[in-house]
């Protein structure tokens, strides 16, 4: 199966980041992955607007806790789940690091 990607635009202060996320080989529905990613980021943004004193560490900690809960809900060997999460996170982190940032007002 050829590599598949999720093109995603992350809007941030001062512009946007164009990211091409590589997908795991067992991805079932790219559209669902993109919709959930957008929903998660929108939810975090809403929470930060309500609670103005939220630190980046608070956000990352909450995300890690949610991920740990979801990992335990997967019906697979825990070591296999951990390995998959580690691999997907590494590839996603690399994609963000290689992404193109569009500054607001530039073409």
PDB file of N, CA and C in Angstrom:
ATOM      1  N   UNK A   1       0.858  -1.194   0.000  1.00  0.00           N
ATOM      2  CA  UNK A   1       0.000   0.000   0.000  1.00  0.00           C
ATOM      3  C   UNK A   1       0.892   1.242   0.000  1.00  0.00           C
ATOM      4  N   UNK A   2       0.656   2.172  -0.926  1.00  0.00           N
ATOM      5  CA  UNK A   2       1.477   3.389  -0.983  1.00  0.00           C
ATOM      6  C   UNK A   2       1.248   4.257   0.253  1.00  0.00           C
ATOM      7  N   UNK A   3       2.256   5.079   0.559  1.00  0.00           N
ATOM      8  CA  UNK A   3       2.123   6.000   1.684  1.00  0.00           C
ATOM      9  C   UNK A   3       0.990   6.976   1.433  1.00  0.00           C
ATOM     10  N   UNK A   4       0.207   7.215   2.487  1.00  0.00           N
ATOM     11  CA  UNK A   4      -0.882   8.180   2.403  1.00  0.00           C
ATOM     12  C   UNK A   4      -0.596   9.306   3.383  1.00  0.00           C
ATOM     13  N   UNK A   5      -1.143  10.475   3.072  1.00  0.00           N
ATOM     14  CA  UNK A   5      -0.904  11.657   3.887  1.00  0.00           C
ATOM     15  C   UNK A   5      -2.205  12.383   4.169  1.00  0.00           C
ATOM     16  N   UNK A   6      -2.194  13.122   5.283  1.00  0.00           N
ATOM     17  CA  UNK A   6      -3.296  14.002   5.634  1.00  0.00           C
ATOM     18  C   UNK A   6      -2.781  15.425   5.523  1.00  0.00           C
ATOM     19  N   UNK A   7      -3.179  16.152   4.470  1.00  0.00           N
ATOM     20  CA  UNK A   7      -2.796  17.564   4.399  1.00  0.00           C
ATOM     21  C   UNK A   7      -3.626  18.336   5.423  1.00  0.00           C
ATOM     22  N   UNK A   8      -2.975  19.180   6.212  1.00  0.00           N
ATOM     23  CA  UNK A   8      -3.670  19.875   7.291  1.00  0.00           C
ATOM     24  C   UNK A   8      -3.101  21.278   7.439  1.00  0.00           C
ATOM     25  N   UNK A   9      -3.991  22.248   7.620  1.00  0.00           N
ATOM     26  CA  UNK A   9      -3.583  23.617   7.879  1.00  0.00           C
ATOM     27  C   UNK A   9      -3.853  23.931   9.335  1.00  0.00           C
ATOM     28  N   UNK A  10      -2.794  24.240  10.073  1.00  0.00           N
ATOM     29  CA  UNK A  10      -2.922  24.614  11.481  1.00  0.00           C
ATOM     30  C   UNK A  10      -2.807  26.128  11.578  1.00  0.00           C
ATOM     31  N   UNK A  11      -3.916  26.768  11.931  1.00  0.00           N
ATOM     32  CA  UNK A  11      -3.923  28.223  12.073  1.00  0.00           C
ATOM     33  C   UNK A  11      -3.333  28.568  13.429  1.00  0.00           C
ATOM     34  N   UNK A  12      -2.412  29.506  13.419  1.00  0.00           N
ATOM     35  CA  UNK A  12      -1.760  29.931  14.657  1.00  0.00           C
ATOM     36  C   UNK A  12      -1.579  31.440  14.626  1.00  0.00           C
ATOM     37  N   UNK A  13      -1.203  31.989  15.750  1.00  0.00           N
ATOM     38  CA  UNK A  13      -1.000  33.428  15.834  1.00  0.00           C
ATOM     39  C   UNK A  13      -0.013  33.870  14.758  1.00  0.00           C
ATOM     40  N   UNK A  14      -0.419  34.819  13.949  1.00  0.00           N
ATOM     41  CA  UNK A  14       0.459  35.376  12.929  1.00  0.00           C
ATOM     42  C   UNK A  14       0.467  34.645  11.608  1.00  0.00           C
ATOM     43  N   UNK A  15      -0.293  33.577  11.461  1.00  0.00           N
ATOM     44  CA  UNK A  15      -0.294  32.879  10.188  1.00  0.00           C
ATOM     45  C   UNK A  15      -0.844  31.476  10.275  1.00  0.00           C
ATOM     46  N   UNK A  16      -0.315  30.609   9.415  1.00  0.00           N
ATOM     47  CA  UNK A  16      -0.786  29.229   9.366  1.00  0.00           C
ATOM     48  C   UNK A  16       0.388  28.325   9.009  1.00  0.00           C
ATOM     49  N   UNK A  17       0.252  27.089   9.393  1.00  0.00           N
ATOM     50  CA  UNK A  17       1.287  26.087   9.120  1.00  0.00           C
ATOM     51  C   UNK A  17       0.658  25.019   8.234  1.00  0.00           C
ATOM     52  N   UNK A  18       1.265  24.780   7.080  1.00  0.00           N
ATOM     53  CA  UNK A  18       0.793  23.748   6.139  1.00  0.00           C
ATOM     54  C   UNK A  18       1.565  22.462   6.417  1.00  0.00           C
ATOM     55  N   UNK A  19       0.842  21.443   6.888  1.00  0.00           N
ATOM     56  CA  UNK A  19       1.471  20.198   7.320  1.00  0.00           C
ATOM     57  C   UNK A  19       0.959  19.038   6.465  1.00  0.00           C
ATOM     58  N   UNK A  20       1.851  18.154   6.116  1.00  0.00           N
ATOM     59  CA  UNK A  20       1.499  16.941   5.386  1.00  0.00           C
ATOM     60  C   UNK A  20       1.789  15.756   6.301  1.00  0.00           C
ATOM     61  N   UNK A  21       0.791  15.342   7.103  1.00  0.00           N
ATOM     62  CA  UNK A  21       0.988  14.268   8.069  1.00  0.00           C
ATOM     63  C   UNK A  21       1.006  12.909   7.385  1.00  0.00           C
ATOM     64  N   UNK A  22       2.063  12.113   7.599  1.00  0.00           N
ATOM     65  CA  UNK A  22       2.040  10.738   7.086  1.00  0.00           C
ATOM     66  C   UNK A  22       1.083   9.918   7.946  1.00  0.00           C
ATOM     67  N   UNK A  23       0.301   9.082   7.315  1.00  0.00           N
ATOM     68  CA  UNK A  23      -0.690   8.271   8.029  1.00  0.00           C
ATOM     69  C   UNK A  23      -0.159   6.868   8.285  1.00  0.00           C
ATOM     70  N   UNK A  24      -0.617   6.285   9.370  1.00  0.00           N
ATOM     71  CA  UNK A  24      -0.259   4.912   9.704  1.00  0.00           C
ATOM     72  C   UNK A  24      -0.818   3.987   8.627  1.00  0.00           C
ATOM     73  N   UNK A  25      -0.135   2.923   8.369  1.00  0.00           N
ATOM     74  CA  UNK A  25      -0.548   2.006   7.293  1.00  0.00           C
ATOM     75  C   UNK A  25      -1.937   1.411   7.495  1.00  0.00           C
ATOM     76  N   UNK A  26      -2.413   1.355   8.728  1.00  0.00           N
ATOM     77  CA  UNK A  26      -3.725   0.781   9.000  1.00  0.00           C
ATOM     78  C   UNK A  26      -4.815   1.832   9.160  1.00  0.00           C
ATOM     79  N   UNK A  27      -4.558   3.063   8.698  1.00  0.00           N
ATOM     80  CA  UNK A  27      -5.574   4.111   8.763  1.00  0.00           C
ATOM     81  C   UNK A  27      -6.780   3.670   7.943  1.00  0.00           C
ATOM     82  N   UNK A  28      -7.957   3.745   8.556  1.00  0.00           N
ATOM     83  CA  UNK A  28      -9.183   3.309   7.885  1.00  0.00           C
ATOM     84  C   UNK A  28      -9.827   4.461   7.127  1.00  0.00           C
ATOM     85  N   UNK A  29      -9.929   5.638   7.761  1.00  0.00           N
ATOM     86  CA  UNK A  29     -10.645   6.748   7.143  1.00  0.00           C
ATOM     87  C   UNK A  29      -9.895   8.055   7.382  1.00  0.00           C
ATOM     88  N   UNK A  30      -9.239   8.538   6.345  1.00  0.00           N
ATOM     89  CA  UNK A  30      -8.457   9.774   6.430  1.00  0.00           C
ATOM     90  C   UNK A  30      -9.340  10.949   6.853  1.00  0.00           C
ATOM     91  N   UNK A  31     -10.552  11.005   6.353  1.00  0.00           N
ATOM     92  CA  UNK A  31     -11.471  12.090   6.694  1.00  0.00           C
ATOM     93  C   UNK A  31     -11.785  12.127   8.182  1.00  0.00           C
ATOM     94  N   UNK A  32     -11.967  10.951   8.775  1.00  0.00           N
ATOM     95  CA  UNK A  32     -12.237  10.890  10.214  1.00  0.00           C
ATOM     96  C   UNK A  32     -11.038  11.376  11.016  1.00  0.00           C
ATOM     97  N   UNK A  33      -9.835  10.993  10.580  1.00  0.00           N
ATOM     98  CA  UNK A  33      -8.620  11.429  11.268  1.00  0.00           C
ATOM     99  C   UNK A  33      -8.522  12.952  11.234  1.00  0.00           C
ATOM    100  N   UNK A  34      -8.734  13.538  10.068  1.00  0.00           N
ATOM    101  CA  UNK A  34      -8.667  14.992   9.940  1.00  0.00           C
ATOM    102  C   UNK A  34      -9.731  15.705  10.756  1.00  0.00           C
ATOM    103  N   UNK A  35     -10.952  15.173  10.745  1.00  0.00           N
ATOM    104  CA  UNK A  35     -12.045  15.795  11.503  1.00  0.00           C
ATOM    105  C   UNK A  35     -11.784  15.727  13.003  1.00  0.00           C
ATOM    106  N   UNK A  36     -11.276  14.578  13.483  1.00  0.00           N
ATOM    107  CA  UNK A  36     -10.976  14.464  14.918  1.00  0.00           C
ATOM    108  C   UNK A  36      -9.833  15.382  15.319  1.00  0.00           C
ATOM    109  N   UNK A  37      -8.811  15.486  14.469  1.00  0.00           N
ATOM    110  CA  UNK A  37      -7.691  16.388  14.752  1.00  0.00           C
ATOM    111  C   UNK A  37      -8.185  17.824  14.873  1.00  0.00           C
ATOM    112  N   UNK A  38      -8.991  18.242  13.929  1.00  0.00           N
ATOM    113  CA  UNK A  38      -9.533  19.598  13.955  1.00  0.00           C
ATOM    114  C   UNK A  38     -10.399  19.826  15.191  1.00  0.00           C
ATOM    115  N   UNK A  39     -11.224  18.853  15.531  1.00  0.00           N
ATOM    116  CA  UNK A  39     -12.095  18.963  16.705  1.00  0.00           C
ATOM    117  C   UNK A  39     -11.274  19.058  17.994  1.00  0.00           C
ATOM    118  N   UNK A  40     -10.237  18.237  18.108  1.00  0.00           N
ATOM    119  CA  UNK A  40      -9.373  18.288  19.289  1.00  0.00           C
ATOM    120  C   UNK A  40      -8.695  19.646  19.431  1.00  0.00           C
ATOM    121  N   UNK A  41      -8.134  20.144  18.344  1.00  0.00           N
ATOM    122  CA  UNK A  41      -7.448  21.442  18.397  1.00  0.00           C
ATOM    123  C   UNK A  41      -8.425  22.576  18.683  1.00  0.00           C
ATOM    124  N   UNK A  42      -9.618  22.524  18.091  1.00  0.00           N
ATOM    125  CA  UNK A  42     -10.638  23.551  18.369  1.00  0.00           C
ATOM    126  C   UNK A  42     -11.055  23.520  19.836  1.00  0.00           C
ATOM    127  N   UNK A  43     -11.229  22.327  20.392  1.00  0.00           N
ATOM    128  CA  UNK A  43     -11.607  22.195  21.796  1.00  0.00           C
ATOM    129  C   UNK A  43     -10.541  22.761  22.721  1.00  0.00           C
ATOM    130  N   UNK A  44      -9.286  22.480  22.418  1.00  0.00           N
ATOM    131  CA  UNK A  44      -8.190  23.026  23.227  1.00  0.00           C
ATOM    132  C   UNK A  44      -8.177  24.548  23.136  1.00  0.00           C
ATOM    133  N   UNK A  45      -8.354  25.083  21.933  1.00  0.00           N
ATOM    134  CA  UNK A  45      -8.382  26.541  21.766  1.00  0.00           C
ATOM    135  C   UNK A  45      -9.513  27.174  22.576  1.00  0.00           C
ATOM    136  N   UNK A  46     -10.682  26.547  22.571  1.00  0.00           N
ATOM    137  CA  UNK A  46     -11.815  27.071  23.360  1.00  0.00           C
ATOM    138  C   UNK A  46     -11.492  27.070  24.851  1.00  0.00           C
ATOM    139  N   UNK A  47     -10.905  26.000  25.335  1.00  0.00           N
ATOM    140  CA  UNK A  47     -10.550  25.917  26.751  1.00  0.00           C
ATOM    141  C   UNK A  47      -9.525  26.983  27.131  1.00  0.00           C
ATOM    142  N   UNK A  48      -8.563  27.217  26.267  1.00  0.00           N
ATOM    143  CA  UNK A  48      -7.534  28.226  26.548  1.00  0.00           C
ATOM    144  C   UNK A  48      -8.152  29.620  26.589  1.00  0.00           C
ATOM    145  N   UNK A  49      -9.129  29.889  25.722  1.00  0.00           N
ATOM    146  CA  UNK A  49      -9.792  31.196  25.732  1.00  0.00           C
ATOM    147  C   UNK A  49     -10.573  31.412  27.023  1.00  0.00           C
ATOM    148  N   UNK A  50     -11.178  30.358  27.559  1.00  0.00           N
ATOM    149  CA  UNK A  50     -11.957  30.454  28.795  1.00  0.00           C
ATOM    150  C   UNK A  50     -11.027  30.567  30.002  1.00  0.00           C
ATOM    151  N   UNK A  51      -9.960  29.795  30.000  1.00  0.00           N
ATOM    152  CA  UNK A  51      -9.009  29.761  31.115  1.00  0.00           C
ATOM    153  C   UNK A  51      -7.709  30.407  30.663  1.00  0.00           C
ATOM    154  N   UNK A  52      -7.636  31.683  30.716  1.00  0.00           N
ATOM    155  CA  UNK A  52      -6.523  32.436  30.134  1.00  0.00           C
ATOM    156  C   UNK A  52      -5.150  32.115  30.734  1.00  0.00           C
ATOM    157  N   UNK A  53      -5.116  31.518  31.923  1.00  0.00           N
ATOM    158  CA  UNK A  53      -3.822  31.240  32.561  1.00  0.00           C
ATOM    159  C   UNK A  53      -3.327  29.814  32.314  1.00  0.00           C
ATOM    160  N   UNK A  54      -3.753  29.195  31.225  1.00  0.00           N
ATOM    161  CA  UNK A  54      -3.328  27.834  30.888  1.00  0.00           C
ATOM    162  C   UNK A  54      -1.932  27.886  30.268  1.00  0.00           C
ATOM    163  N   UNK A  55      -1.043  27.068  30.811  1.00  0.00           N
ATOM    164  CA  UNK A  55       0.318  27.021  30.262  1.00  0.00           C
ATOM    165  C   UNK A  55       0.411  25.948  29.176  1.00  0.00           C
ATOM    166  N   UNK A  56       1.452  26.043  28.371  1.00  0.00           N
ATOM    167  CA  UNK A  56       1.697  25.009  27.356  1.00  0.00           C
ATOM    168  C   UNK A  56       1.872  23.650  28.023  1.00  0.00           C
ATOM    169  N   UNK A  57       2.531  23.633  29.179  1.00  0.00           N
ATOM    170  CA  UNK A  57       2.715  22.384  29.920  1.00  0.00           C
ATOM    171  C   UNK A  57       1.397  21.779  30.372  1.00  0.00           C
ATOM    172  N   UNK A  58       0.450  22.658  30.794  1.00  0.00           N
ATOM    173  CA  UNK A  58      -0.875  22.171  31.186  1.00  0.00           C
ATOM    174  C   UNK A  58      -1.566  21.495  30.010  1.00  0.00           C
ATOM    175  N   UNK A  59      -1.470  22.119  28.842  1.00  0.00           N
ATOM    176  CA  UNK A  59      -2.117  21.564  27.640  1.00  0.00           C
ATOM    177  C   UNK A  59      -1.496  20.217  27.283  1.00  0.00           C
ATOM    178  N   UNK A  60      -0.169  20.167  27.242  1.00  0.00           N
ATOM    179  CA  UNK A  60       0.499  18.915  26.876  1.00  0.00           C
ATOM    180  C   UNK A  60       0.206  17.806  27.887  1.00  0.00           C
ATOM    181  N   UNK A  61       0.171  18.162  29.172  1.00  0.00           N
ATOM    182  CA  UNK A  61      -0.115  17.176  30.206  1.00  0.00           C
ATOM    183  C   UNK A  61      -1.519  16.587  30.030  1.00  0.00           C
ATOM    184  N   UNK A  62      -2.498  17.447  29.794  1.00  0.00           N
ATOM    185  CA  UNK A  62      -3.871  16.975  29.596  1.00  0.00           C
ATOM    186  C   UNK A  62      -3.975  16.095  28.352  1.00  0.00           C
ATOM    187  N   UNK A  63      -3.281  16.483  27.286  1.00  0.00           N
ATOM    188  CA  UNK A  63      -3.306  15.679  26.063  1.00  0.00           C
ATOM    189  C   UNK A  63      -2.687  14.305  26.301  1.00  0.00           C
ATOM    190  N   UNK A  64      -1.584  14.252  27.040  1.00  0.00           N
ATOM    191  CA  UNK A  64      -0.935  12.973  27.343  1.00  0.00           C
ATOM    192  C   UNK A  64      -1.837  12.083  28.189  1.00  0.00           C
ATOM    193  N   UNK A  65      -2.515  12.683  29.150  1.00  0.00           N
ATOM    194  CA  UNK A  65      -3.427  11.903  29.998  1.00  0.00           C
ATOM    195  C   UNK A  65      -4.575  11.328  29.179  1.00  0.00           C
ATOM    196  N   UNK A  66      -5.133  12.143  28.277  1.00  0.00           N
ATOM    197  CA  UNK A  66      -6.215  11.667  27.409  1.00  0.00           C
ATOM    198  C   UNK A  66      -5.711  10.549  26.502  1.00  0.00           C
ATOM    199  N   UNK A  67      -4.512  10.703  25.965  1.00  0.00           N
ATOM    200  CA  UNK A  67      -3.931   9.671  25.105  1.00  0.00           C
ATOM    201  C   UNK A  67      -3.729   8.368  25.881  1.00  0.00           C
ATOM    202  N   UNK A  68      -3.245   8.467  27.110  1.00  0.00           N
ATOM    203  CA  UNK A  68      -3.038   7.266  27.925  1.00  0.00           C
ATOM    204  C   UNK A  68      -4.353   6.534  28.162  1.00  0.00           C
ATOM    205  N   UNK A  69      -5.419   7.290  28.411  1.00  0.00           N
ATOM    206  CA  UNK A  69      -6.737   6.671  28.600  1.00  0.00           C
ATOM    207  C   UNK A  69      -7.174   5.968  27.319  1.00  0.00           C
ATOM    208  N   UNK A  70      -7.060   6.655  26.182  1.00  0.00           N
ATOM    209  CA  UNK A  70      -7.473   6.048  24.907  1.00  0.00           C
ATOM    210  C   UNK A  70      -6.636   4.812  24.577  1.00  0.00           C
ATOM    211  N   UNK A  71      -5.343   4.858  24.913  1.00  0.00           N
ATOM    212  CA  UNK A  71      -4.475   3.715  24.645  1.00  0.00           C
ATOM    213  C   UNK A  71      -4.959   2.469  25.388  1.00  0.00           C
ATOM    214  N   UNK A  72      -5.451   2.652  26.611  1.00  0.00           N
ATOM    215  CA  UNK A  72      -5.939   1.516  27.395  1.00  0.00           C
ATOM    216  C   UNK A  72      -7.264   0.985  26.869  1.00  0.00           C
ATOM    217  N   UNK A  73      -7.964   1.783  26.085  1.00  0.00           N
ATOM    218  CA  UNK A  73      -9.251   1.364  25.532  1.00  0.00           C
ATOM    219  C   UNK A  73      -9.092   0.521  24.262  1.00  0.00           C
ATOM    220  N   UNK A  74      -7.899   0.522  23.684  1.00  0.00           N
ATOM    221  CA  UNK A  74      -7.636  -0.227  22.455  1.00  0.00           C
ATOM    222  C   UNK A  74      -7.518  -1.714  22.791  1.00  0.00           C
ATOM    223  N   UNK A  75      -8.191  -2.524  22.012  1.00  0.00           N
ATOM    224  CA  UNK A  75      -8.147  -3.974  22.229  1.00  0.00           C
ATOM    225  C   UNK A  75      -6.976  -4.570  21.464  1.00  0.00           C
ATOM    226  N   UNK A  76      -5.789  -4.372  22.046  1.00  0.00           N
ATOM    227  CA  UNK A  76      -4.554  -4.903  21.473  1.00  0.00           C
ATOM    228  C   UNK A  76      -3.539  -5.019  22.607  1.00  0.00           C
ATOM    229  N   UNK A  77      -2.452  -5.692  22.324  1.00  0.00           N
ATOM    230  CA  UNK A  77      -1.391  -5.827  23.322  1.00  0.00           C
ATOM    231  C   UNK A  77      -0.846  -4.437  23.672  1.00  0.00           C
ATOM    232  N   UNK A  78      -0.739  -4.126  24.972  1.00  0.00           N
ATOM    233  CA  UNK A  78      -0.266  -2.800  25.379  1.00  0.00           C
ATOM    234  C   UNK A  78       1.073  -2.392  24.761  1.00  0.00           C
ATOM    235  N   UNK A  79       2.020  -3.329  24.648  1.00  0.00           N
ATOM    236  CA  UNK A  79       3.315  -2.989  24.049  1.00  0.00           C
ATOM    237  C   UNK A  79       3.173  -2.613  22.573  1.00  0.00           C
ATOM    238  N   UNK A  80       2.278  -3.297  21.872  1.00  0.00           N
ATOM    239  CA  UNK A  80       2.041  -2.976  20.454  1.00  0.00           C
ATOM    240  C   UNK A  80       1.407  -1.594  20.319  1.00  0.00           C
ATOM    241  N   UNK A  81       0.489  -1.274  21.215  1.00  0.00           N
ATOM    242  CA  UNK A  81      -0.153   0.044  21.187  1.00  0.00           C
ATOM    243  C   UNK A  81       0.879   1.125  21.471  1.00  0.00           C
ATOM    244  N   UNK A  82       1.721   0.920  22.489  1.00  0.00           N
ATOM    245  CA  UNK A  82       2.759   1.899  22.816  1.00  0.00           C
ATOM    246  C   UNK A  82       3.703   2.110  21.636  1.00  0.00           C
ATOM    247  N   UNK A  83       4.089   1.034  20.979  1.00  0.00           N
ATOM    248  CA  UNK A  83       4.998   1.139  19.832  1.00  0.00           C
ATOM    249  C   UNK A  83       4.345   1.911  18.693  1.00  0.00           C
ATOM    250  N   UNK A  84       3.063   1.638  18.434  1.00  0.00           N
ATOM    251  CA  UNK A  84       2.368   2.346  17.372  1.00  0.00           C
ATOM    252  C   UNK A  84       2.268   3.838  17.689  1.00  0.00           C
ATOM    253  N   UNK A  85       1.898   4.167  18.934  1.00  0.00           N
ATOM    254  CA  UNK A  85       1.763   5.571  19.342  1.00  0.00           C
ATOM    255  C   UNK A  85       3.109   6.283  19.211  1.00  0.00           C
ATOM    256  N   UNK A  86       4.178   5.637  19.659  1.00  0.00           N
ATOM    257  CA  UNK A  86       5.508   6.247  19.573  1.00  0.00           C
ATOM    258  C   UNK A  86       5.897   6.518  18.118  1.00  0.00           C
ATOM    259  N   UNK A  87       5.630   5.551  17.246  1.00  0.00           N
ATOM    260  CA  UNK A  87       5.982   5.712  15.829  1.00  0.00           C
ATOM    261  C   UNK A  87       5.148   6.811  15.172  1.00  0.00           C
ATOM    262  N   UNK A  88       3.847   6.833  15.447  1.00  0.00           N
ATOM    263  CA  UNK A  88       2.969   7.844  14.854  1.00  0.00           C
ATOM    264  C   UNK A  88       3.348   9.233  15.368  1.00  0.00           C
ATOM    265  N   UNK A  89       3.646   9.349  16.670  1.00  0.00           N
ATOM    266  CA  UNK A  89       4.041  10.641  17.236  1.00  0.00           C
ATOM    267  C   UNK A  89       5.341  11.133  16.614  1.00  0.00           C
ATOM    268  N   UNK A  90       6.300  10.252  16.463  1.00  0.00           N
ATOM    269  CA  UNK A  90       7.579  10.649  15.866  1.00  0.00           C
ATOM    270  C   UNK A  90       7.391  11.145  14.435  1.00  0.00           C
ATOM    271  N   UNK A  91       6.605  10.430  13.655  1.00  0.00           N
ATOM    272  CA  UNK A  91       6.374  10.841  12.258  1.00  0.00           C
ATOM    273  C   UNK A  91       5.586  12.146  12.195  1.00  0.00           C
ATOM    274  N   UNK A  92       4.607  12.318  13.088  1.00  0.00           N
ATOM    275  CA  UNK A  92       3.830  13.564  13.111  1.00  0.00           C
ATOM    276  C   UNK A  92       4.711  14.733  13.519  1.00  0.00           C
ATOM    277  N   UNK A  93       5.568  14.529  14.512  1.00  0.00           N
ATOM    278  CA  UNK A  93       6.482  15.581  14.961  1.00  0.00           C
ATOM    279  C   UNK A  93       7.429  15.990  13.827  1.00  0.00           C
ATOM    280  N   UNK A  94       7.939  15.022  13.099  1.00  0.00           N
ATOM    281  CA  UNK A  94       8.807  15.310  11.954  1.00  0.00           C
ATOM    282  C   UNK A  94       8.053  16.089  10.885  1.00  0.00           C
ATOM    283  N   UNK A  95       6.800  15.729  10.638  1.00  0.00           N
ATOM    284  CA  UNK A  95       6.000  16.440   9.626  1.00  0.00           C
ATOM    285  C   UNK A  95       5.786  17.893  10.015  1.00  0.00           C
ATOM    286  N   UNK A  96       5.520  18.140  11.296  1.00  0.00           N
ATOM    287  CA  UNK A  96       5.324  19.521  11.754  1.00  0.00           C
ATOM    288  C   UNK A  96       6.637  20.286  11.643  1.00  0.00           C
ATOM    289  N   UNK A  97       7.751  19.654  12.021  1.00  0.00           N
ATOM    290  CA  UNK A  97       9.060  20.310  11.941  1.00  0.00           C
ATOM    291  C   UNK A  97       9.413  20.678  10.497  1.00  0.00           C
ATOM    292  N   UNK A  98       8.962  19.873   9.539  1.00  0.00           N
ATOM    293  CA  UNK A  98       9.264  20.114   8.125  1.00  0.00           C
ATOM    294  C   UNK A  98       8.201  20.975   7.425  1.00  0.00           C
ATOM    295  N   UNK A  99       7.168  21.368   8.159  1.00  0.00           N
ATOM    296  CA  UNK A  99       6.056  22.083   7.542  1.00  0.00           C
ATOM    297  C   UNK A  99       6.437  23.491   7.125  1.00  0.00           C
ATOM    298  N   UNK A 100       5.581  24.050   6.275  1.00  0.00           N
ATOM    299  CA  UNK A 100       5.788  25.394   5.759  1.00  0.00           C
ATOM    300  C   UNK A 100       4.874  26.348   6.512  1.00  0.00           C
ATOM    301  N   UNK A 101       5.476  27.403   7.055  1.00  0.00           N
ATOM    302  CA  UNK A 101       4.705  28.414   7.788  1.00  0.00           C
ATOM    303  C   UNK A 101       4.392  29.564   6.847  1.00  0.00           C
ATOM    304  N   UNK A 102       3.113  29.884   6.728  1.00  0.00           N
ATOM    305  CA  UNK A 102       2.655  31.022   5.931  1.00  0.00           C
ATOM    306  C   UNK A 102       2.374  32.170   6.900  1.00  0.00           C
ATOM    307  N   UNK A 103       3.103  33.257   6.763  1.00  0.00           N
ATOM    308  CA  UNK A 103       2.894  34.411   7.633  1.00  0.00           C
ATOM    309  C   UNK A 103       1.686  35.184   7.134  1.00  0.00           C
ATOM    310  N   UNK A 104       0.830  35.603   8.068  1.00  0.00           N
ATOM    311  CA  UNK A 104      -0.370  36.367   7.708  1.00  0.00           C
ATOM    312  C   UNK A 104       0.032  37.595   6.906  1.00  0.00           C
ATOM    313  N   UNK A 105      -0.679  37.825   5.813  1.00  0.00           N
ATOM    314  CA  UNK A 105      -0.441  38.997   4.966  1.00  0.00           C
ATOM    315  C   UNK A 105       0.607  38.789   3.889  1.00  0.00           C
ATOM    316  N   UNK A 106       1.278  37.617   3.871  1.00  0.00           N
ATOM    317  CA  UNK A 106       2.251  37.364   2.806  1.00  0.00           C
ATOM    318  C   UNK A 106       1.672  36.374   1.812  1.00  0.00           C
ATOM    319  N   UNK A 107       2.176  36.360   0.624  1.00  0.00           N
ATOM    320  CA  UNK A 107       1.659  35.459  -0.402  1.00  0.00           C
ATOM    321  C   UNK A 107       2.681  34.451  -0.822  1.00  0.00           C
TER     322      UNK A 107
END
